[in-house]
Every structure is written in structure tokens, then in C-alpha cells.
Amino acid sequence: MVGVVTETRPTAKTRPARAATRVRNRDGWWAAFFLAPQVVGLLAFLVFPLGFAVVLAFMKWDGLGEKSWVGFDNFAAQLSDPDFGTAVWNTVKLAFLTVPVGLALALLIALALNHVRGKTFYRIVYFLPVITSSVAVAVMWQIILASGDYGVLNRTVYDWFGIVLPDWLEDPSWVVVAIAVVTIWSSLGLNVVIFLAGLQTIPPSLMEAARIDGAGPIRVFRSVTLPMISPTVFFSTVVAVISSFQAFDQIYVLVDPDHNDGARTIVYQVYDLGFKQFEFGMSSAAALILLALTLLVTLVQFGVQKRFVHYDS
């Protein structure tokens, strides 16, 4: 007996479902097409280098010869290295100088500009250093802070007031202060714009209610303004701390940390070990220690923020 094959044709009910499936498949292919460059870039320039650095931190390699497994020797060597200790201490000092001073100054400027006409103009003016090349910023401040007759600041103060200022870029005890000033100046505009955006989200009715109740400007700031922008302050604090831990380019242009230990930071230690001494295992170990410190500080910030940051709910 010969079987009869019957052809099933789509009915009126199945046609919309199949059409929807084809649309979803087509959208999925288009999504994959547009996401592919980002995913490839993420894998090639972030995931693979990070994984390679983790493996390399447990090896000894000069970049050309054979790799040899050394275990945790690179980490032990870095933790016992006086240069690495100096780099950690300088990085911590830079963070303590730049984060609170920079954020407080940016908040004061944002409060002053919040009720001023032409806020867009001031935003552009304050944001210009952020979009300026960090090398150009460092060269400009190098001219300002240079010692002797070449420094604009030192020469001007001496000519006008007869005061001899320290060698900002050569004295190990003052170079961190000079770097902090440059860092605060170059990042001030970003924090001002962020704080301005946060201030403009505060409902005017809250401010008016506080003033009607007899609250003065300081009381309004403490009880209304600061709690309302606490998420913005927290975000800026986390970003500022991470940026201070990653300070390198301006320091590299301003001074020579090889001849001034006061300017040696952890990132410069990573650069010095890897691209000057060709100790890529040591360099990777120092980079992973920096990563661990950054993660630890960030986790502490997220743990503490539950007590001070107020979210709308």
C-alpha cells in the first residue's frame, strides 16, 4: 500500500506566528551584527589582556625569552619592594588630597552657579580642561610650577612679594601637592557639571518648605540639598577615587619619578617594571595588586554608602 503524503499549508492562524518568528530572527541577526564590533573589541582589548596579565603575574618573562613559572614570588617581591611601598603611599596621599578637596570645591562652584543666568556658558568654561589633552595640561602647569626664573608662579610671587616658594616639581615633599593641584584643576569641570545636574533635580517645593519653616542657608544645605544629591556625591566620590588610583599621564609629563620618589605612583611602578626594566611578571603582579586595592576601596565605599546615601523610593 502506497502512503499518501499530505502537504500542510499555513492557515490563517499560523501565518502571523511564523511572520513574528521571522521578524524576531531578523532582528536578532541585526542585533548581533551591530554588537559584534563591540564584543570583539571588549574581548580583544579587555578580557584577553586581563586574563593574560593574571597568568603573567605568576611567571617570569622579559617579553622575548621563555616564560618560567614562579608562583607567588612576583607578588612577594612587590610587597617587600621599598619602591612599591613608596608608590602605594604616594597614591594614597594623592587620593586624600584630590578627592575631598576637588569634590568640595566642585560642589561649592555648582551651588554658586545653580541660580546664575547663563549656566550653559559656565558649564562650557569649566568643562574645557576636561576635554583638553592631559599632556597639554601637564605642559602648561609645568611652565607655571617650574622652579627658578622659568616658573611663572615662583617668579611672579618673588617679584611682587619677595617670597621664595618651594620647588614644586623637584622637592619630594611638595611634588604630590603640585600633582594634586593639576589633577583637581583638570577634573574640576566634570564634577561641577555632575553636581549641577544633581542640584537641578531637587524639587523647588522642598527648598521653599524648608525656608518657610525658618531654615537658614546652612540648614537648608544640610537637611535638604545634601541628602537629595547624596547619590550624585557618592557616584563622584567613587569615580574620583578610582581616577586618583590610576594617575599616570600628567605625572609622567610633569616630573621624572625615577629621580623624584615623591611622584612615584602605583601605575608608574607598573609602567617602570614593564616597559623600562622588562619585568612583565613583576609589572602584572603590581597591576593586580592595584586592581585588588581599587576593588577593596570601592567595596568599602558601597558598604558605607548605605548609611549616608538617600535614594528616592
Protein backbone atom coordinates (compact mmCIF):
# COMPACT_ATOMS: atom_id res chain seq x y z
CA MET A 1 0.00 0.00 0.00
CA VAL A 2 1.46 3.30 -1.06
CA GLY A 3 1.31 6.03 1.58
CA VAL A 4 -0.09 9.37 0.61
CA VAL A 5 1.93 12.42 1.72
CA THR A 6 -0.27 15.34 2.53
CA GLU A 7 1.15 18.87 2.42
CA THR A 8 0.18 21.09 5.32
CA ARG A 9 -0.40 24.61 4.28
CA PRO A 10 -0.24 27.52 6.71
CA THR A 11 -3.59 28.56 7.96
CA ALA A 12 -4.78 32.00 8.86
CA LYS A 13 -3.85 31.33 12.49
CA THR A 14 -0.27 30.15 11.87
CA ARG A 15 0.74 32.85 9.40
CA PRO A 16 1.07 35.67 11.98
CA ALA A 17 3.10 33.43 14.32
CA ARG A 18 5.54 32.47 11.55
CA ALA A 19 5.84 36.07 10.44
CA ALA A 20 6.59 37.15 14.01
CA THR A 21 9.25 34.43 14.28
CA ARG A 22 10.90 35.62 11.07
CA VAL A 23 10.89 39.20 12.35
CA ARG A 24 12.46 38.13 15.63
CA ASN A 25 15.15 36.13 13.86
CA ARG A 26 15.90 39.02 11.55
CA ASP A 27 16.10 41.46 14.48
CA GLY A 28 18.40 39.03 16.28
CA TRP A 29 20.78 38.89 13.32
CA TRP A 30 20.81 42.68 13.06
CA ALA A 31 21.45 42.98 16.80
CA ALA A 32 24.36 40.52 16.53
CA PHE A 33 25.71 42.43 13.53
CA PHE A 34 25.80 45.74 15.40
CA LEU A 35 27.02 44.23 18.68
CA ALA A 36 29.82 42.21 17.09
CA PRO A 37 32.37 45.08 16.83
CA GLN A 38 31.83 46.00 20.48
CA VAL A 39 32.05 42.40 21.65
CA VAL A 40 35.19 41.77 19.60
CA GLY A 41 36.77 44.94 20.95
CA LEU A 42 35.80 44.00 24.51
CA LEU A 43 37.32 40.56 24.16
CA ALA A 44 40.45 41.72 22.34
CA PHE A 45 41.28 44.79 24.44
CA LEU A 46 39.88 43.97 27.87
CA VAL A 47 39.07 40.33 28.58
CA PHE A 48 42.09 38.76 26.85
CA PRO A 49 44.67 41.29 28.21
CA LEU A 50 43.25 40.94 31.71
CA GLY A 51 43.40 37.15 31.55
CA PHE A 52 46.92 37.26 30.09
CA ALA A 53 48.03 39.66 32.86
CA VAL A 54 46.65 37.33 35.53
CA VAL A 55 48.60 34.40 34.09
CA LEU A 56 51.71 36.51 33.54
CA ALA A 57 51.70 37.69 37.17
CA PHE A 58 52.75 34.17 38.17
CA MET A 59 55.59 33.99 35.63
CA LYS A 60 58.97 35.49 34.95
CA TRP A 61 59.22 36.92 31.42
CA ASP A 62 61.21 39.68 29.77
CA GLY A 63 58.97 39.94 26.72
CA LEU A 64 61.18 37.90 24.37
CA GLY A 65 62.61 34.86 26.10
CA GLU A 66 60.99 31.81 27.62
CA LYS A 67 58.38 32.14 30.31
CA SER A 68 59.07 30.41 33.62
CA TRP A 69 56.56 29.73 36.35
CA VAL A 70 57.46 31.42 39.67
CA GLY A 71 54.18 31.20 41.57
CA PHE A 72 53.62 33.99 44.07
CA ASP A 73 57.23 35.19 44.01
CA ASN A 74 56.33 38.30 41.97
CA PHE A 75 53.69 39.33 44.50
CA ALA A 76 56.05 38.72 47.41
CA ALA A 77 58.79 40.71 45.69
CA GLN A 78 56.49 43.66 45.10
CA LEU A 79 55.07 43.70 48.61
CA SER A 80 58.61 43.73 50.01
CA ASP A 81 59.94 46.27 47.49
CA PRO A 82 60.54 49.74 49.03
CA ASP A 83 59.74 51.39 45.68
CA PHE A 84 56.33 49.73 45.61
CA GLY A 85 55.67 50.83 49.20
CA THR A 86 56.58 54.38 48.25
CA ALA A 87 54.29 54.17 45.24
CA VAL A 88 51.37 52.97 47.36
CA TRP A 89 51.92 55.71 49.94
CA ASN A 90 52.14 58.42 47.27
CA THR A 91 48.97 57.12 45.61
CA VAL A 92 47.10 57.19 48.91
CA LYS A 93 48.31 60.72 49.64
CA LEU A 94 47.24 61.85 46.17
CA ALA A 95 43.78 60.35 46.70
CA PHE A 96 43.39 62.05 50.10
CA LEU A 97 44.39 65.39 48.58
CA THR A 98 42.43 65.31 45.34
CA VAL A 99 39.16 63.58 46.25
CA PRO A 100 37.84 65.65 49.21
CA VAL A 101 39.29 68.98 48.05
CA GLY A 102 38.26 68.52 44.43
CA LEU A 103 34.71 67.40 45.24
CA ALA A 104 34.17 70.11 47.87
CA LEU A 105 35.39 72.81 45.51
CA ALA A 106 33.24 71.48 42.67
CA LEU A 107 30.17 71.39 44.92
CA LEU A 108 30.73 74.98 46.05
CA ILE A 109 31.04 76.16 42.45
CA ALA A 110 27.94 74.19 41.44
CA LEU A 111 25.96 75.74 44.30
CA ALA A 112 27.09 79.20 43.19
CA LEU A 113 26.18 78.57 39.55
CA ASN A 114 22.85 76.86 40.24
CA HIS A 115 20.90 80.13 40.36
CA VAL A 116 23.01 82.14 37.92
CA ARG A 117 21.91 83.10 34.44
CA GLY A 118 23.86 81.60 31.59
CA LYS A 119 24.66 78.31 33.29
CA THR A 120 25.38 76.74 29.90
CA PHE A 121 28.21 79.20 29.29
CA TYR A 122 29.81 78.48 32.67
CA ARG A 123 29.43 74.75 32.11
CA ILE A 124 31.38 75.04 28.88
CA VAL A 125 34.09 77.18 30.52
CA TYR A 126 34.57 74.81 33.44
CA PHE A 127 34.40 71.73 31.21
CA LEU A 128 37.12 72.88 28.78
CA PRO A 129 40.02 71.47 30.88
CA VAL A 130 38.29 68.08 30.92
CA ILE A 131 38.31 67.79 27.12
CA THR A 132 41.80 69.28 26.79
CA SER A 133 44.66 66.86 26.22
CA SER A 134 46.17 65.74 29.51
CA VAL A 135 49.65 66.20 28.02
CA ALA A 136 48.84 69.80 27.07
CA VAL A 137 47.50 70.44 30.58
CA ALA A 138 50.63 68.96 32.13
CA VAL A 139 52.94 71.03 29.92
CA MET A 140 51.05 74.22 30.80
CA TRP A 141 51.29 73.53 34.53
CA GLN A 142 54.92 72.53 34.13
CA ILE A 143 55.62 76.06 32.89
CA ILE A 144 53.61 77.55 35.76
CA LEU A 145 55.17 75.45 38.52
CA ALA A 146 58.77 75.28 37.26
CA SER A 147 61.47 76.37 39.68
CA GLY A 148 63.73 79.41 39.38
CA ASP A 149 63.27 82.07 36.73
CA TYR A 150 61.42 79.67 34.44
CA GLY A 151 58.41 79.16 36.70
CA VAL A 152 55.61 81.67 36.22
CA LEU A 153 54.23 81.22 39.74
CA ASN A 154 57.51 81.29 41.65
CA ARG A 155 58.91 84.20 39.63
CA THR A 156 55.75 86.30 39.93
CA VAL A 157 55.40 85.79 43.68
CA TYR A 158 59.09 86.58 44.22
CA ASP A 159 58.97 89.74 42.09
CA TRP A 160 55.81 91.07 43.70
CA PHE A 161 56.16 89.97 47.34
CA GLY A 162 59.77 88.82 47.71
CA ILE A 163 58.62 85.37 48.88
CA VAL A 164 60.61 82.32 47.79
CA LEU A 165 58.28 79.44 47.06
CA PRO A 166 59.39 75.80 47.13
CA ASP A 167 60.46 73.86 44.07
CA TRP A 168 57.07 72.32 43.38
CA LEU A 169 58.23 69.74 40.84
CA GLU A 170 61.65 68.91 42.32
CA ASP A 171 61.09 68.80 46.07
CA PRO A 172 59.80 65.30 47.00
CA SER A 173 57.75 66.75 49.88
CA TRP A 174 55.88 69.19 47.62
CA VAL A 175 55.56 67.34 44.32
CA VAL A 176 52.44 65.45 45.46
CA VAL A 177 50.79 68.78 46.27
CA ALA A 178 51.66 70.07 42.80
CA ILE A 179 50.26 66.92 41.16
CA ALA A 180 47.11 67.22 43.27
CA VAL A 181 46.60 70.83 42.15
CA VAL A 182 46.92 69.85 38.49
CA THR A 183 44.58 66.88 38.97
CA ILE A 184 41.94 68.96 40.74
CA TRP A 185 42.09 71.69 38.11
CA SER A 186 41.79 69.29 35.19
CA SER A 187 38.88 67.28 36.67
CA LEU A 188 37.00 70.15 38.31
CA GLY A 189 34.74 70.83 35.34
CA LEU A 190 33.42 67.28 35.17
CA ASN A 191 32.42 67.29 38.84
CA VAL A 192 30.86 70.75 38.52
CA VAL A 193 28.67 69.60 35.63
CA ILE A 194 27.64 66.44 37.51
CA PHE A 195 26.78 68.36 40.67
CA LEU A 196 24.84 70.96 38.69
CA ALA A 197 22.78 68.18 37.15
CA GLY A 198 22.12 66.75 40.60
CA LEU A 199 21.11 70.13 42.06
CA GLN A 200 18.61 70.72 39.30
CA THR A 201 16.75 67.52 40.21
CA ILE A 202 15.82 68.90 43.65
CA PRO A 203 12.15 69.94 43.69
CA PRO A 204 11.84 73.69 44.40
CA SER A 205 8.91 72.94 46.71
CA LEU A 206 11.26 71.25 49.18
CA MET A 207 13.52 74.30 49.31
CA GLU A 208 10.56 76.62 49.75
CA ALA A 209 9.08 74.47 52.51
CA ALA A 210 12.39 74.48 54.39
CA ARG A 211 12.66 78.28 54.12
CA ILE A 212 9.06 78.74 55.28
CA ASP A 213 9.89 76.63 58.34
CA GLY A 214 12.65 79.11 59.15
CA ALA A 215 15.67 77.14 57.96
CA GLY A 216 18.70 79.22 57.02
CA PRO A 217 21.02 78.56 54.07
CA ILE A 218 23.29 76.23 56.04
CA ARG A 219 20.34 74.30 57.47
CA VAL A 220 18.76 74.00 54.02
CA PHE A 221 22.03 72.66 52.63
CA ARG A 222 22.47 70.11 55.41
CA SER A 223 18.86 68.93 55.64
CA VAL A 224 17.62 69.23 52.06
CA THR A 225 20.31 69.81 49.45
CA LEU A 226 22.96 67.36 50.63
CA PRO A 227 20.60 64.41 51.25
CA MET A 228 18.91 64.96 47.88
CA ILE A 229 22.20 64.95 45.95
CA SER A 230 23.84 62.24 48.07
CA PRO A 231 23.66 59.68 45.19
CA THR A 232 25.46 62.19 42.97
CA VAL A 233 28.10 62.80 45.64
CA PHE A 234 28.58 59.06 46.08
CA PHE A 235 28.97 58.50 42.34
CA SER A 236 31.50 61.33 42.02
CA THR A 237 33.44 60.04 45.04
CA VAL A 238 33.77 56.53 43.61
CA VAL A 239 34.88 57.85 40.22
CA ALA A 240 37.33 60.31 41.79
CA VAL A 241 38.95 57.65 43.98
CA ILE A 242 39.39 55.27 41.06
CA SER A 243 40.83 58.09 38.91
CA SER A 244 43.31 59.05 41.64
CA PHE A 245 44.48 55.44 41.87
CA GLN A 246 45.07 55.44 38.09
CA ALA A 247 47.03 58.70 37.91
CA PHE A 248 49.88 58.44 35.41
CA ASP A 249 49.91 60.58 32.26
CA GLN A 250 50.13 64.02 33.85
CA ILE A 251 52.69 62.78 36.37
CA TYR A 252 54.79 61.29 33.58
CA VAL A 253 54.88 64.66 31.78
CA LEU A 254 55.24 66.90 34.83
CA VAL A 255 58.14 65.19 36.59
CA ASP A 256 60.51 62.25 36.32
CA PRO A 257 59.53 59.80 39.09
CA ASP A 258 62.82 57.94 38.58
CA HIS A 259 64.61 60.95 40.06
CA ASN A 260 61.83 62.08 42.40
CA ASP A 261 60.37 59.37 44.62
CA GLY A 262 57.62 61.73 45.73
CA ALA A 263 55.97 61.38 42.31
CA ARG A 264 56.13 57.59 42.00
CA THR A 265 52.62 56.10 41.96
CA ILE A 266 51.42 52.53 41.56
CA VAL A 267 50.61 52.96 37.87
CA TYR A 268 54.06 54.41 37.25
CA GLN A 269 55.52 51.45 39.11
CA VAL A 270 53.66 49.16 36.70
CA TYR A 271 54.97 51.13 33.73
CA ASP A 272 58.54 51.21 35.06
CA LEU A 273 58.67 47.47 35.70
CA GLY A 274 57.12 46.51 32.39
CA PHE A 275 58.45 48.97 29.83
CA LYS A 276 61.76 50.07 31.35
CA GLN A 277 63.00 47.03 33.25
CA PHE A 278 61.13 44.49 31.06
CA GLU A 279 59.95 42.57 34.11
CA PHE A 280 56.48 41.84 32.78
CA GLY A 281 55.71 39.32 35.51
CA MET A 282 56.51 41.85 38.22
CA SER A 283 54.57 44.52 36.34
CA SER A 284 51.50 42.30 36.06
CA ALA A 285 51.69 41.45 39.75
CA ALA A 286 51.82 45.15 40.65
CA ALA A 287 48.85 45.80 38.36
CA LEU A 288 46.82 43.05 40.02
CA ILE A 289 47.65 44.43 43.46
CA LEU A 290 46.40 47.82 42.26
CA LEU A 291 43.23 46.16 40.97
CA ALA A 292 42.69 44.44 44.32
CA LEU A 293 43.20 47.72 46.22
CA THR A 294 40.77 49.53 43.93
CA LEU A 295 38.14 46.81 44.32
CA LEU A 296 38.61 46.79 48.10
CA VAL A 297 38.20 50.56 48.43
CA THR A 298 35.20 50.54 46.10
CA LEU A 299 33.51 47.75 48.07
CA VAL A 300 34.10 49.67 51.29
CA GLN A 301 32.51 52.74 49.71
CA PHE A 302 29.47 50.75 48.61
CA GLY A 303 29.18 49.29 52.11
CA VAL A 304 29.38 52.67 53.81
CA GLN A 305 27.04 54.44 51.38
CA LYS A 306 24.01 52.60 52.80
CA ARG A 307 24.20 54.85 55.87
CA PHE A 308 24.67 58.18 54.10
CA VAL A 309 23.16 57.92 50.60
CA HIS A 310 19.42 58.50 50.27
CA TYR A 311 17.63 57.19 47.20
CA ASP A 312 14.09 58.06 46.17
CA SER A 313 11.83 55.14 46.93
